[in-house]
Amino acid sequence: MIGRHRMFFTAGGASRQPVLSQPVFAALVLTCFTWCMCGLAAGQAATSLRGTITDPSGSTVAGAKVVLANSESKIERTATTAEQGA
């Protein structure tokens, strides 16, 4: 068998018995990679909101508290407007 090599994944280095076969090892690596990518993809959601708070006469309102609320997830974000009402 010249030119034929077998890769062994051994525990302890002394044994020549394979601990994991190549297909099992490849499936394990693919599963770990998929779990990592799913976690990264889940964190990609982002949004932004811009606007100006005004009173009924059209003047900007400085120091107004703005609350963004998601009724499904119950997550709220708050902000306070600057001097320009933004």
N, C-alpha and C. Protein backbone atom coordinates (compact mmCIF):
# COMPACT_ATOMS: atom_id res chain seq x y z
N MET A 1 0.82 -1.19 0.00
CA MET A 1 0.00 0.00 0.00
C MET A 1 0.86 1.25 0.00
N ILE A 2 1.59 1.45 -1.03
CA ILE A 2 2.42 2.63 -1.12
C ILE A 2 1.55 3.82 -1.50
N GLY A 3 1.78 4.93 -0.83
CA GLY A 3 1.04 6.15 -1.14
C GLY A 3 -0.32 6.26 -0.46
N ARG A 4 -0.69 5.28 0.35
CA ARG A 4 -1.97 5.34 1.05
C ARG A 4 -1.72 5.67 2.50
N HIS A 5 -2.38 6.72 2.96
CA HIS A 5 -2.21 7.13 4.35
C HIS A 5 -3.57 7.18 5.01
N ARG A 6 -3.61 6.81 6.28
CA ARG A 6 -4.84 6.91 7.06
C ARG A 6 -4.62 7.88 8.19
N MET A 7 -5.58 8.75 8.38
CA MET A 7 -5.48 9.71 9.47
C MET A 7 -6.22 9.14 10.68
N PHE A 8 -5.56 9.15 11.83
CA PHE A 8 -6.18 8.68 13.05
C PHE A 8 -6.30 9.86 14.00
N PHE A 9 -7.45 9.95 14.62
CA PHE A 9 -7.67 10.94 15.67
C PHE A 9 -7.63 10.14 16.97
N THR A 10 -6.49 10.21 17.64
CA THR A 10 -6.28 9.33 18.78
C THR A 10 -6.28 10.10 20.09
N ALA A 11 -6.61 9.41 21.15
CA ALA A 11 -6.57 9.97 22.50
C ALA A 11 -5.28 9.50 23.15
N GLY A 12 -4.49 10.40 23.67
CA GLY A 12 -3.27 10.04 24.37
C GLY A 12 -2.06 9.86 23.48
N GLY A 13 -2.22 9.75 22.20
CA GLY A 13 -1.12 9.68 21.28
C GLY A 13 -0.49 8.31 21.12
N ALA A 14 -0.66 7.39 22.08
CA ALA A 14 -0.01 6.09 21.99
C ALA A 14 -0.85 5.08 21.22
N SER A 15 -2.13 5.22 21.24
CA SER A 15 -3.02 4.26 20.60
C SER A 15 -3.11 4.54 19.10
N ARG A 16 -3.26 3.47 18.33
CA ARG A 16 -3.45 3.63 16.89
C ARG A 16 -4.91 3.37 16.51
N GLN A 17 -5.80 3.25 17.49
CA GLN A 17 -7.21 3.04 17.24
C GLN A 17 -7.88 4.39 17.01
N PRO A 18 -8.63 4.53 15.94
CA PRO A 18 -9.29 5.82 15.69
C PRO A 18 -10.36 6.11 16.74
N VAL A 19 -10.33 7.33 17.28
CA VAL A 19 -11.34 7.76 18.24
C VAL A 19 -12.56 8.26 17.48
N LEU A 20 -12.35 9.03 16.42
CA LEU A 20 -13.42 9.52 15.57
C LEU A 20 -13.09 9.19 14.12
N SER A 21 -14.06 8.68 13.41
CA SER A 21 -13.84 8.47 11.98
C SER A 21 -13.92 9.82 11.28
N GLN A 22 -13.40 9.91 10.09
CA GLN A 22 -13.40 11.17 9.35
C GLN A 22 -14.81 11.70 9.10
N PRO A 23 -15.79 10.88 8.71
CA PRO A 23 -17.14 11.42 8.51
C PRO A 23 -17.76 11.96 9.80
N VAL A 24 -17.52 11.27 10.93
CA VAL A 24 -18.05 11.74 12.21
C VAL A 24 -17.37 13.05 12.60
N PHE A 25 -16.07 13.13 12.42
CA PHE A 25 -15.33 14.35 12.74
C PHE A 25 -15.81 15.51 11.86
N ALA A 26 -16.01 15.26 10.57
CA ALA A 26 -16.48 16.31 9.66
C ALA A 26 -17.88 16.78 10.06
N ALA A 27 -18.76 15.86 10.45
CA ALA A 27 -20.11 16.23 10.88
C ALA A 27 -20.06 17.05 12.16
N LEU A 28 -19.17 16.71 13.06
CA LEU A 28 -19.02 17.46 14.31
C LEU A 28 -18.54 18.88 14.04
N VAL A 29 -17.56 19.04 13.18
CA VAL A 29 -17.05 20.36 12.82
C VAL A 29 -18.14 21.18 12.13
N LEU A 30 -18.87 20.58 11.21
CA LEU A 30 -19.95 21.28 10.52
C LEU A 30 -21.05 21.71 11.48
N THR A 31 -21.40 20.87 12.43
CA THR A 31 -22.41 21.21 13.43
C THR A 31 -21.96 22.39 14.28
N CYS A 32 -20.73 22.37 14.75
CA CYS A 32 -20.20 23.48 15.56
C CYS A 32 -20.18 24.76 14.75
N PHE A 33 -19.76 24.70 13.50
CA PHE A 33 -19.72 25.87 12.64
C PHE A 33 -21.12 26.44 12.44
N THR A 34 -22.11 25.57 12.22
CA THR A 34 -23.49 26.01 12.01
C THR A 34 -24.03 26.69 13.26
N TRP A 35 -23.77 26.14 14.44
CA TRP A 35 -24.24 26.76 15.68
C TRP A 35 -23.63 28.14 15.86
N CYS A 36 -22.36 28.28 15.55
CA CYS A 36 -21.70 29.59 15.67
C CYS A 36 -22.31 30.60 14.71
N MET A 37 -22.57 30.20 13.48
CA MET A 37 -23.14 31.11 12.49
C MET A 37 -24.57 31.51 12.85
N CYS A 38 -25.33 30.59 13.42
CA CYS A 38 -26.71 30.92 13.84
C CYS A 38 -26.68 31.97 14.94
N GLY A 39 -25.77 31.85 15.86
CA GLY A 39 -25.64 32.83 16.93
C GLY A 39 -25.26 34.20 16.40
N LEU A 40 -24.37 34.24 15.43
CA LEU A 40 -23.97 35.52 14.85
C LEU A 40 -25.10 36.14 14.04
N ALA A 41 -25.82 35.33 13.32
CA ALA A 41 -26.92 35.84 12.51
C ALA A 41 -28.03 36.40 13.38
N ALA A 42 -28.26 35.80 14.52
CA ALA A 42 -29.33 36.27 15.41
C ALA A 42 -29.03 37.65 15.96
N GLY A 43 -27.77 38.01 16.07
CA GLY A 43 -27.40 39.30 16.63
C GLY A 43 -27.32 40.42 15.60
N GLN A 44 -27.74 40.19 14.38
CA GLN A 44 -27.59 41.19 13.32
C GLN A 44 -28.74 42.17 13.22
N ALA A 45 -29.82 41.97 13.94
CA ALA A 45 -30.97 42.87 13.82
C ALA A 45 -30.63 44.24 14.40
N ALA A 46 -30.86 45.28 13.64
CA ALA A 46 -30.61 46.65 14.10
C ALA A 46 -31.61 47.57 13.41
N THR A 47 -31.92 48.65 14.06
CA THR A 47 -32.84 49.61 13.48
C THR A 47 -32.49 50.99 13.98
N SER A 48 -33.08 52.00 13.39
CA SER A 48 -32.87 53.37 13.85
C SER A 48 -34.15 54.15 13.65
N LEU A 49 -34.25 55.24 14.37
CA LEU A 49 -35.43 56.10 14.28
C LEU A 49 -34.95 57.54 14.40
N ARG A 50 -35.43 58.39 13.52
CA ARG A 50 -35.07 59.81 13.54
C ARG A 50 -36.33 60.64 13.48
N GLY A 51 -36.29 61.78 14.12
CA GLY A 51 -37.44 62.67 14.06
C GLY A 51 -37.23 63.86 14.97
N THR A 52 -38.20 64.73 14.99
CA THR A 52 -38.15 65.94 15.82
C THR A 52 -39.46 66.03 16.59
N ILE A 53 -39.35 66.27 17.88
CA ILE A 53 -40.53 66.43 18.72
C ILE A 53 -40.93 67.91 18.71
N THR A 54 -42.19 68.16 18.35
CA THR A 54 -42.69 69.54 18.32
C THR A 54 -43.99 69.63 19.12
N ASP A 55 -44.28 70.85 19.58
CA ASP A 55 -45.56 71.09 20.26
C ASP A 55 -46.60 71.50 19.22
N PRO A 56 -47.86 71.70 19.61
CA PRO A 56 -48.91 72.04 18.65
C PRO A 56 -48.64 73.29 17.82
N SER A 57 -47.81 74.23 18.34
CA SER A 57 -47.51 75.44 17.57
C SER A 57 -46.37 75.24 16.58
N GLY A 58 -45.71 74.04 16.62
CA GLY A 58 -44.62 73.76 15.70
C GLY A 58 -43.24 74.00 16.29
N SER A 59 -43.16 74.50 17.53
CA SER A 59 -41.87 74.73 18.19
C SER A 59 -41.28 73.39 18.65
N THR A 60 -39.96 73.29 18.59
CA THR A 60 -39.31 72.06 19.05
C THR A 60 -39.39 71.97 20.56
N VAL A 61 -39.38 70.75 21.07
CA VAL A 61 -39.48 70.51 22.50
C VAL A 61 -38.16 69.91 22.98
N ALA A 62 -37.42 70.68 23.77
CA ALA A 62 -36.15 70.21 24.33
C ALA A 62 -36.44 69.45 25.62
N GLY A 63 -35.71 68.38 25.84
CA GLY A 63 -35.83 67.60 27.07
C GLY A 63 -37.03 66.68 27.13
N ALA A 64 -37.67 66.41 26.02
CA ALA A 64 -38.82 65.50 26.00
C ALA A 64 -38.33 64.06 26.11
N LYS A 65 -39.04 63.27 26.90
CA LYS A 65 -38.71 61.86 27.04
C LYS A 65 -39.43 61.09 25.94
N VAL A 66 -38.68 60.31 25.17
CA VAL A 66 -39.22 59.50 24.08
C VAL A 66 -39.06 58.03 24.46
N VAL A 67 -40.15 57.27 24.39
CA VAL A 67 -40.11 55.85 24.73
C VAL A 67 -40.52 55.05 23.50
N LEU A 68 -39.64 54.13 23.08
CA LEU A 68 -39.95 53.19 22.00
C LEU A 68 -40.25 51.86 22.67
N ALA A 69 -41.43 51.30 22.41
CA ALA A 69 -41.83 50.06 23.07
C ALA A 69 -42.26 49.02 22.05
N ASN A 70 -41.80 47.80 22.26
CA ASN A 70 -42.23 46.66 21.45
C ASN A 70 -43.27 45.91 22.26
N SER A 71 -44.51 45.91 21.82
CA SER A 71 -45.59 45.29 22.58
C SER A 71 -45.49 43.78 22.65
N GLU A 72 -44.85 43.16 21.67
CA GLU A 72 -44.71 41.69 21.67
C GLU A 72 -43.62 41.22 22.62
N SER A 73 -42.43 41.84 22.53
CA SER A 73 -41.31 41.39 23.36
C SER A 73 -41.22 42.13 24.69
N LYS A 74 -42.00 43.18 24.85
CA LYS A 74 -42.01 44.00 26.07
C LYS A 74 -40.68 44.72 26.30
N ILE A 75 -39.91 44.93 25.26
CA ILE A 75 -38.64 45.66 25.36
C ILE A 75 -38.91 47.13 25.12
N GLU A 76 -38.33 47.98 25.96
CA GLU A 76 -38.49 49.42 25.81
C GLU A 76 -37.12 50.09 25.77
N ARG A 77 -37.03 51.14 24.96
CA ARG A 77 -35.83 51.98 24.88
C ARG A 77 -36.27 53.42 25.11
N THR A 78 -35.53 54.15 25.88
CA THR A 78 -35.88 55.55 26.14
C THR A 78 -34.76 56.46 25.69
N ALA A 79 -35.14 57.68 25.36
CA ALA A 79 -34.18 58.72 24.96
C ALA A 79 -34.77 60.06 25.36
N THR A 80 -33.91 61.06 25.46
CA THR A 80 -34.34 62.42 25.77
C THR A 80 -33.88 63.32 24.63
N THR A 81 -34.77 64.22 24.18
CA THR A 81 -34.44 65.09 23.06
C THR A 81 -33.47 66.18 23.50
N ALA A 82 -32.70 66.67 22.54
CA ALA A 82 -31.76 67.76 22.78
C ALA A 82 -32.46 69.10 22.58
N GLU A 83 -31.70 70.16 22.53
CA GLU A 83 -32.27 71.51 22.40
C GLU A 83 -33.06 71.69 21.11
N GLN A 84 -32.68 70.99 20.06
CA GLN A 84 -33.38 71.10 18.76
C GLN A 84 -34.59 70.19 18.68
N GLY A 85 -34.92 69.47 19.75
CA GLY A 85 -36.05 68.55 19.74
C GLY A 85 -35.76 67.24 19.05
N ALA A 86 -34.54 66.99 18.71
CA ALA A 86 -34.15 65.76 18.03
C ALA A 86 -33.39 64.84 18.96
